[in-house]
Amino acid sequence: MKPSDRKGNGVGKTPKKEAENKPVSSPDRAVGGGAVKKVADLLTSVNNGTYRVESKKVADKIVKDAVRDIRSRLR
């Protein structure tokens, strides 16, 4: 979504459906043994409320994607 497509500033607003504290379901099908464990660990962390986002990784990815997008527009 482009920033120009957004309504309002979105700060502190969460849609009601997302705000409900429902546990995330297990995937119906998983690929590979390592992936199953990783997904299970993530689901456990999310459901327990202990999952933490690594903000530096998120910020790095946002900047990397923005730079790639700008460079592609300049070509």
PDB file of N, CA and C in Angstrom:
ATOM      1  N   MET A   1       0.843  -1.168   0.000  1.00  0.00           N
ATOM      2  CA  MET A   1       0.000   0.000   0.000  1.00  0.00           C
ATOM      3  C   MET A   1       0.890   1.232   0.000  1.00  0.00           C
ATOM      4  N   LYS A   2       0.588   2.171  -0.859  1.00  0.00           N
ATOM      5  CA  LYS A   2       1.325   3.410  -0.917  1.00  0.00           C
ATOM      6  C   LYS A   2       0.858   4.310   0.230  1.00  0.00           C
ATOM      7  N   PRO A   3       1.765   5.132   0.802  1.00  0.00           N
ATOM      8  CA  PRO A   3       1.356   6.040   1.875  1.00  0.00           C
ATOM      9  C   PRO A   3       0.180   6.926   1.474  1.00  0.00           C
ATOM     10  N   SER A   4       0.089   7.282   0.203  1.00  0.00           N
ATOM     11  CA  SER A   4      -1.002   8.153  -0.244  1.00  0.00           C
ATOM     12  C   SER A   4      -2.352   7.445  -0.210  1.00  0.00           C
ATOM     13  N   ASP A   5      -2.353   6.104  -0.137  1.00  0.00           N
ATOM     14  CA  ASP A   5      -3.595   5.333  -0.087  1.00  0.00           C
ATOM     15  C   ASP A   5      -4.141   5.182   1.326  1.00  0.00           C
ATOM     16  N   ARG A   6      -3.374   5.577   2.309  1.00  0.00           N
ATOM     17  CA  ARG A   6      -3.772   5.392   3.699  1.00  0.00           C
ATOM     18  C   ARG A   6      -4.719   6.484   4.145  1.00  0.00           C
ATOM     19  N   LYS A   7      -5.590   6.131   5.061  1.00  0.00           N
ATOM     20  CA  LYS A   7      -6.510   7.100   5.644  1.00  0.00           C
ATOM     21  C   LYS A   7      -6.061   7.398   7.060  1.00  0.00           C
ATOM     22  N   GLY A   8      -5.976   8.669   7.434  1.00  0.00           N
ATOM     23  CA  GLY A   8      -5.555   9.040   8.772  1.00  0.00           C
ATOM     24  C   GLY A   8      -4.102   8.697   9.011  1.00  0.00           C
ATOM     25  N   ASN A   9      -3.646   8.875  10.237  1.00  0.00           N
ATOM     26  CA  ASN A   9      -2.254   8.568  10.530  1.00  0.00           C
ATOM     27  C   ASN A   9      -2.076   7.153  11.055  1.00  0.00           C
ATOM     28  N   GLY A  10      -3.164   6.488  11.441  1.00  0.00           N
ATOM     29  CA  GLY A  10      -3.108   5.091  11.855  1.00  0.00           C
ATOM     30  C   GLY A  10      -2.462   4.854  13.209  1.00  0.00           C
ATOM     31  N   VAL A  11      -2.022   5.897  13.894  1.00  0.00           N
ATOM     32  CA  VAL A  11      -1.337   5.724  15.165  1.00  0.00           C
ATOM     33  C   VAL A  11      -2.325   5.249  16.218  1.00  0.00           C
ATOM     34  N   GLY A  12      -2.005   4.116  16.831  1.00  0.00           N
ATOM     35  CA  GLY A  12      -2.821   3.594  17.912  1.00  0.00           C
ATOM     36  C   GLY A  12      -4.146   2.998  17.498  1.00  0.00           C
ATOM     37  N   LYS A  13      -4.385   2.879  16.218  1.00  0.00           N
ATOM     38  CA  LYS A  13      -5.659   2.330  15.758  1.00  0.00           C
ATOM     39  C   LYS A  13      -5.469   0.886  15.316  1.00  0.00           C
ATOM     40  N   THR A  14      -6.297   0.003  15.832  1.00  0.00           N
ATOM     41  CA  THR A  14      -6.278  -1.388  15.434  1.00  0.00           C
ATOM     42  C   THR A  14      -7.709  -1.797  15.117  1.00  0.00           C
ATOM     43  N   PRO A  15      -7.928  -2.382  13.937  1.00  0.00           N
ATOM     44  CA  PRO A  15      -9.288  -2.831  13.637  1.00  0.00           C
ATOM     45  C   PRO A  15      -9.785  -3.803  14.690  1.00  0.00           C
ATOM     46  N   LYS A  16     -11.080  -3.783  14.974  1.00  0.00           N
ATOM     47  CA  LYS A  16     -11.640  -4.618  16.043  1.00  0.00           C
ATOM     48  C   LYS A  16     -11.340  -6.101  15.866  1.00  0.00           C
ATOM     49  N   LYS A  17     -11.423  -6.611  14.626  1.00  0.00           N
ATOM     50  CA  LYS A  17     -11.156  -8.032  14.413  1.00  0.00           C
ATOM     51  C   LYS A  17      -9.749  -8.402  14.857  1.00  0.00           C
ATOM     52  N   GLU A  18      -8.770  -7.532  14.569  1.00  0.00           N
ATOM     53  CA  GLU A  18      -7.392  -7.825  14.940  1.00  0.00           C
ATOM     54  C   GLU A  18      -7.144  -7.642  16.424  1.00  0.00           C
ATOM     55  N   ALA A  19      -7.939  -6.835  17.073  1.00  0.00           N
ATOM     56  CA  ALA A  19      -7.726  -6.534  18.483  1.00  0.00           C
ATOM     57  C   ALA A  19      -8.153  -7.677  19.396  1.00  0.00           C
ATOM     58  N   GLU A  20      -8.988  -8.581  18.898  1.00  0.00           N
ATOM     59  CA  GLU A  20      -9.433  -9.696  19.715  1.00  0.00           C
ATOM     60  C   GLU A  20      -8.254 -10.597  20.039  1.00  0.00           C
ATOM     61  N   ASN A  21      -8.184 -11.093  21.251  1.00  0.00           N
ATOM     62  CA  ASN A  21      -7.081 -11.934  21.680  1.00  0.00           C
ATOM     63  C   ASN A  21      -7.394 -13.402  21.436  1.00  0.00           C
ATOM     64  N   LYS A  22      -7.491 -13.772  20.175  1.00  0.00           N
ATOM     65  CA  LYS A  22      -7.738 -15.167  19.828  1.00  0.00           C
ATOM     66  C   LYS A  22      -6.413 -15.835  19.485  1.00  0.00           C
ATOM     67  N   PRO A  23      -6.192 -17.049  19.939  1.00  0.00           N
ATOM     68  CA  PRO A  23      -4.961 -17.753  19.587  1.00  0.00           C
ATOM     69  C   PRO A  23      -4.883 -18.004  18.085  1.00  0.00           C
ATOM     70  N   VAL A  24      -3.672 -17.985  17.577  1.00  0.00           N
ATOM     71  CA  VAL A  24      -3.446 -18.277  16.162  1.00  0.00           C
ATOM     72  C   VAL A  24      -3.511 -19.781  15.974  1.00  0.00           C
ATOM     73  N   SER A  25      -4.184 -20.215  14.928  1.00  0.00           N
ATOM     74  CA  SER A  25      -4.328 -21.646  14.659  1.00  0.00           C
ATOM     75  C   SER A  25      -3.045 -22.230  14.099  1.00  0.00           C
ATOM     76  N   SER A  26      -2.869 -23.514  14.299  1.00  0.00           N
ATOM     77  CA  SER A  26      -1.742 -24.224  13.702  1.00  0.00           C
ATOM     78  C   SER A  26      -1.967 -24.355  12.210  1.00  0.00           C
ATOM     79  N   PRO A  27      -0.894 -24.376  11.427  1.00  0.00           N
ATOM     80  CA  PRO A  27      -1.059 -24.542   9.985  1.00  0.00           C
ATOM     81  C   PRO A  27      -1.584 -25.941   9.671  1.00  0.00           C
ATOM     82  N   ASP A  28      -2.433 -26.042   8.640  1.00  0.00           N
ATOM     83  CA  ASP A  28      -2.968 -27.344   8.249  1.00  0.00           C
ATOM     84  C   ASP A  28      -1.880 -28.230   7.675  1.00  0.00           C
ATOM     85  N   ARG A  29      -1.058 -27.622   6.834  1.00  0.00           N
ATOM     86  CA  ARG A  29       0.038 -28.379   6.226  1.00  0.00           C
ATOM     87  C   ARG A  29       1.334 -27.622   6.428  1.00  0.00           C
ATOM     88  N   ALA A  30       2.403 -28.341   6.671  1.00  0.00           N
ATOM     89  CA  ALA A  30       3.710 -27.704   6.825  1.00  0.00           C
ATOM     90  C   ALA A  30       4.708 -28.401   5.917  1.00  0.00           C
ATOM     91  N   VAL A  31       5.745 -27.667   5.540  1.00  0.00           N
ATOM     92  CA  VAL A  31       6.751 -28.212   4.636  1.00  0.00           C
ATOM     93  C   VAL A  31       8.065 -28.331   5.387  1.00  0.00           C
ATOM     94  N   GLY A  32       8.646 -29.502   5.379  1.00  0.00           N
ATOM     95  CA  GLY A  32       9.945 -29.720   5.988  1.00  0.00           C
ATOM     96  C   GLY A  32       9.893 -29.803   7.508  1.00  0.00           C
ATOM     97  N   GLY A  33      10.742 -30.627   8.087  1.00  0.00           N
ATOM     98  CA  GLY A  33      10.760 -30.828   9.525  1.00  0.00           C
ATOM     99  C   GLY A  33      11.174 -29.601  10.306  1.00  0.00           C
ATOM    100  N   GLY A  34      12.179 -28.853   9.797  1.00  0.00           N
ATOM    101  CA  GLY A  34      12.635 -27.655  10.494  1.00  0.00           C
ATOM    102  C   GLY A  34      11.589 -26.565  10.486  1.00  0.00           C
ATOM    103  N   ALA A  35      10.858 -26.477   9.382  1.00  0.00           N
ATOM    104  CA  ALA A  35       9.823 -25.448   9.265  1.00  0.00           C
ATOM    105  C   ALA A  35       8.693 -25.712  10.248  1.00  0.00           C
ATOM    106  N   VAL A  36       8.363 -26.961  10.467  1.00  0.00           N
ATOM    107  CA  VAL A  36       7.289 -27.318  11.390  1.00  0.00           C
ATOM    108  C   VAL A  36       7.635 -26.841  12.796  1.00  0.00           C
ATOM    109  N   LYS A  37       8.849 -27.092  13.233  1.00  0.00           N
ATOM    110  CA  LYS A  37       9.285 -26.672  14.568  1.00  0.00           C
ATOM    111  C   LYS A  37       9.299 -25.161  14.674  1.00  0.00           C
ATOM    112  N   LYS A  38       9.808 -24.489  13.650  1.00  0.00           N
ATOM    113  CA  LYS A  38       9.889 -23.032  13.675  1.00  0.00           C
ATOM    114  C   LYS A  38       8.492 -22.408  13.769  1.00  0.00           C
ATOM    115  N   VAL A  39       7.564 -22.926  12.949  1.00  0.00           N
ATOM    116  CA  VAL A  39       6.191 -22.419  12.971  1.00  0.00           C
ATOM    117  C   VAL A  39       5.549 -22.700  14.322  1.00  0.00           C
ATOM    118  N   ALA A  40       5.764 -23.886  14.853  1.00  0.00           N
ATOM    119  CA  ALA A  40       5.196 -24.239  16.151  1.00  0.00           C
ATOM    120  C   ALA A  40       5.727 -23.313  17.249  1.00  0.00           C
ATOM    121  N   ASP A  41       7.030 -23.022  17.201  1.00  0.00           N
ATOM    122  CA  ASP A  41       7.632 -22.121  18.190  1.00  0.00           C
ATOM    123  C   ASP A  41       7.068 -20.706  18.060  1.00  0.00           C
ATOM    124  N   LEU A  42       6.897 -20.239  16.808  1.00  0.00           N
ATOM    125  CA  LEU A  42       6.321 -18.911  16.584  1.00  0.00           C
ATOM    126  C   LEU A  42       4.891 -18.842  17.086  1.00  0.00           C
ATOM    127  N   LEU A  43       4.104 -19.867  16.772  1.00  0.00           N
ATOM    128  CA  LEU A  43       2.712 -19.897  17.228  1.00  0.00           C
ATOM    129  C   LEU A  43       2.625 -19.877  18.754  1.00  0.00           C
ATOM    130  N   THR A  44       3.495 -20.631  19.394  1.00  0.00           N
ATOM    131  CA  THR A  44       3.514 -20.658  20.853  1.00  0.00           C
ATOM    132  C   THR A  44       3.836 -19.273  21.411  1.00  0.00           C
ATOM    133  N   SER A  45       4.839 -18.621  20.838  1.00  0.00           N
ATOM    134  CA  SER A  45       5.223 -17.284  21.296  1.00  0.00           C
ATOM    135  C   SER A  45       4.100 -16.270  21.090  1.00  0.00           C
ATOM    136  N   VAL A  46       3.453 -16.324  19.923  1.00  0.00           N
ATOM    137  CA  VAL A  46       2.359 -15.396  19.635  1.00  0.00           C
ATOM    138  C   VAL A  46       1.200 -15.641  20.595  1.00  0.00           C
ATOM    139  N   ASN A  47       0.814 -16.891  20.755  1.00  0.00           N
ATOM    140  CA  ASN A  47      -0.315 -17.228  21.627  1.00  0.00           C
ATOM    141  C   ASN A  47      -0.043 -16.898  23.095  1.00  0.00           C
ATOM    142  N   ASN A  48       1.216 -16.985  23.518  1.00  0.00           N
ATOM    143  CA  ASN A  48       1.579 -16.673  24.907  1.00  0.00           C
ATOM    144  C   ASN A  48       1.815 -15.181  25.127  1.00  0.00           C
ATOM    145  N   GLY A  49       1.860 -14.429  24.025  1.00  0.00           N
ATOM    146  CA  GLY A  49       2.123 -12.997  24.149  1.00  0.00           C
ATOM    147  C   GLY A  49       3.579 -12.666  24.381  1.00  0.00           C
ATOM    148  N   THR A  50       4.460 -13.617  24.086  1.00  0.00           N
ATOM    149  CA  THR A  50       5.886 -13.393  24.308  1.00  0.00           C
ATOM    150  C   THR A  50       6.662 -13.130  23.028  1.00  0.00           C
ATOM    151  N   TYR A  51       5.985 -13.137  21.871  1.00  0.00           N
ATOM    152  CA  TYR A  51       6.669 -12.874  20.601  1.00  0.00           C
ATOM    153  C   TYR A  51       7.076 -11.412  20.540  1.00  0.00           C
ATOM    154  N   ARG A  52       8.314 -11.164  20.224  1.00  0.00           N
ATOM    155  CA  ARG A  52       8.820  -9.794  20.133  1.00  0.00           C
ATOM    156  C   ARG A  52       9.391  -9.566  18.739  1.00  0.00           C
ATOM    157  N   VAL A  53       9.012  -8.462  18.163  1.00  0.00           N
ATOM    158  CA  VAL A  53       9.510  -8.086  16.841  1.00  0.00           C
ATOM    159  C   VAL A  53      10.865  -7.422  17.021  1.00  0.00           C
ATOM    160  N   GLU A  54      11.813  -7.797  16.175  1.00  0.00           N
ATOM    161  CA  GLU A  54      13.129  -7.174  16.213  1.00  0.00           C
ATOM    162  C   GLU A  54      13.059  -5.903  15.376  1.00  0.00           C
ATOM    163  N   SER A  55      12.873  -4.779  16.061  1.00  0.00           N
ATOM    164  CA  SER A  55      12.620  -3.513  15.371  1.00  0.00           C
ATOM    165  C   SER A  55      13.757  -3.104  14.435  1.00  0.00           C
ATOM    166  N   LYS A  56      14.994  -3.418  14.761  1.00  0.00           N
ATOM    167  CA  LYS A  56      16.108  -3.067  13.886  1.00  0.00           C
ATOM    168  C   LYS A  56      16.002  -3.814  12.561  1.00  0.00           C
ATOM    169  N   LYS A  57      15.646  -5.097  12.614  1.00  0.00           N
ATOM    170  CA  LYS A  57      15.496  -5.867  11.379  1.00  0.00           C
ATOM    171  C   LYS A  57      14.353  -5.320  10.529  1.00  0.00           C
ATOM    172  N   VAL A  58      13.252  -4.949  11.177  1.00  0.00           N
ATOM    173  CA  VAL A  58      12.107  -4.392  10.460  1.00  0.00           C
ATOM    174  C   VAL A  58      12.502  -3.077   9.799  1.00  0.00           C
ATOM    175  N   ALA A  59      13.175  -2.206  10.552  1.00  0.00           N
ATOM    176  CA  ALA A  59      13.597  -0.910  10.019  1.00  0.00           C
ATOM    177  C   ALA A  59      14.571  -1.085   8.860  1.00  0.00           C
ATOM    178  N   ASP A  60      15.517  -2.003   9.006  1.00  0.00           N
ATOM    179  CA  ASP A  60      16.479  -2.258   7.927  1.00  0.00           C
ATOM    180  C   ASP A  60      15.774  -2.714   6.653  1.00  0.00           C
ATOM    181  N   LYS A  61      14.798  -3.589   6.806  1.00  0.00           N
ATOM    182  CA  LYS A  61      14.057  -4.101   5.651  1.00  0.00           C
ATOM    183  C   LYS A  61      13.235  -3.001   4.991  1.00  0.00           C
ATOM    184  N   ILE A  62      12.609  -2.136   5.798  1.00  0.00           N
ATOM    185  CA  ILE A  62      11.822  -1.027   5.250  1.00  0.00           C
ATOM    186  C   ILE A  62      12.720  -0.110   4.426  1.00  0.00           C
ATOM    187  N   VAL A  63      13.890   0.231   4.961  1.00  0.00           N
ATOM    188  CA  VAL A  63      14.818   1.109   4.252  1.00  0.00           C
ATOM    189  C   VAL A  63      15.323   0.437   2.982  1.00  0.00           C
ATOM    190  N   LYS A  64      15.687  -0.832   3.082  1.00  0.00           N
ATOM    191  CA  LYS A  64      16.190  -1.573   1.919  1.00  0.00           C
ATOM    192  C   LYS A  64      15.136  -1.603   0.809  1.00  0.00           C
ATOM    193  N   ASP A  65      13.891  -1.892   1.164  1.00  0.00           N
ATOM    194  CA  ASP A  65      12.812  -1.935   0.169  1.00  0.00           C
ATOM    195  C   ASP A  65      12.550  -0.559  -0.431  1.00  0.00           C
ATOM    196  N   ALA A  66      12.617   0.484   0.387  1.00  0.00           N
ATOM    197  CA  ALA A  66      12.386   1.847  -0.104  1.00  0.00           C
ATOM    198  C   ALA A  66      13.479   2.251  -1.082  1.00  0.00           C
ATOM    199  N   VAL A  67      14.727   1.939  -0.761  1.00  0.00           N
ATOM    200  CA  VAL A  67      15.844   2.265  -1.654  1.00  0.00           C
ATOM    201  C   VAL A  67      15.690   1.521  -2.975  1.00  0.00           C
ATOM    202  N   ARG A  68      15.329   0.236  -2.907  1.00  0.00           N
ATOM    203  CA  ARG A  68      15.129  -0.547  -4.130  1.00  0.00           C
ATOM    204  C   ARG A  68      14.004   0.043  -4.973  1.00  0.00           C
ATOM    205  N   ASP A  69      12.918   0.454  -4.324  1.00  0.00           N
ATOM    206  CA  ASP A  69      11.784   1.042  -5.027  1.00  0.00           C
ATOM    207  C   ASP A  69      12.178   2.354  -5.701  1.00  0.00           C
ATOM    208  N   ILE A  70      12.901   3.200  -4.981  1.00  0.00           N
ATOM    209  CA  ILE A  70      13.331   4.485  -5.550  1.00  0.00           C
ATOM    210  C   ILE A  70      14.262   4.258  -6.734  1.00  0.00           C
ATOM    211  N   ARG A  71      15.206   3.337  -6.580  1.00  0.00           N
ATOM    212  CA  ARG A  71      16.138   3.052  -7.676  1.00  0.00           C
ATOM    213  C   ARG A  71      15.423   2.520  -8.905  1.00  0.00           C
ATOM    214  N   SER A  72      14.404   1.698  -8.701  1.00  0.00           N
ATOM    215  CA  SER A  72      13.676   1.150  -9.856  1.00  0.00           C
ATOM    216  C   SER A  72      12.874   2.233 -10.572  1.00  0.00           C
ATOM    217  N   ARG A  73      12.437   3.246  -9.861  1.00  0.00           N
ATOM    218  CA  ARG A  73      11.703   4.354 -10.483  1.00  0.00           C
ATOM    219  C   ARG A  73      12.606   5.274 -11.283  1.00  0.00           C
ATOM    220  N   LEU A  74      13.888   5.312 -10.921  1.00  0.00           N
ATOM    221  CA  LEU A  74      14.833   6.182 -11.603  1.00  0.00           C
ATOM    222  C   LEU A  74      15.355   5.594 -12.905  1.00  0.00           C
ATOM    223  N   ARG A  75      15.110   4.340 -13.132  1.00  0.00           N
ATOM    224  CA  ARG A  75      15.625   3.685 -14.351  1.00  0.00           C
ATOM    225  C   ARG A  75      14.779   4.021 -15.537  1.00  0.00           C
TER     226      ARG A  75
END
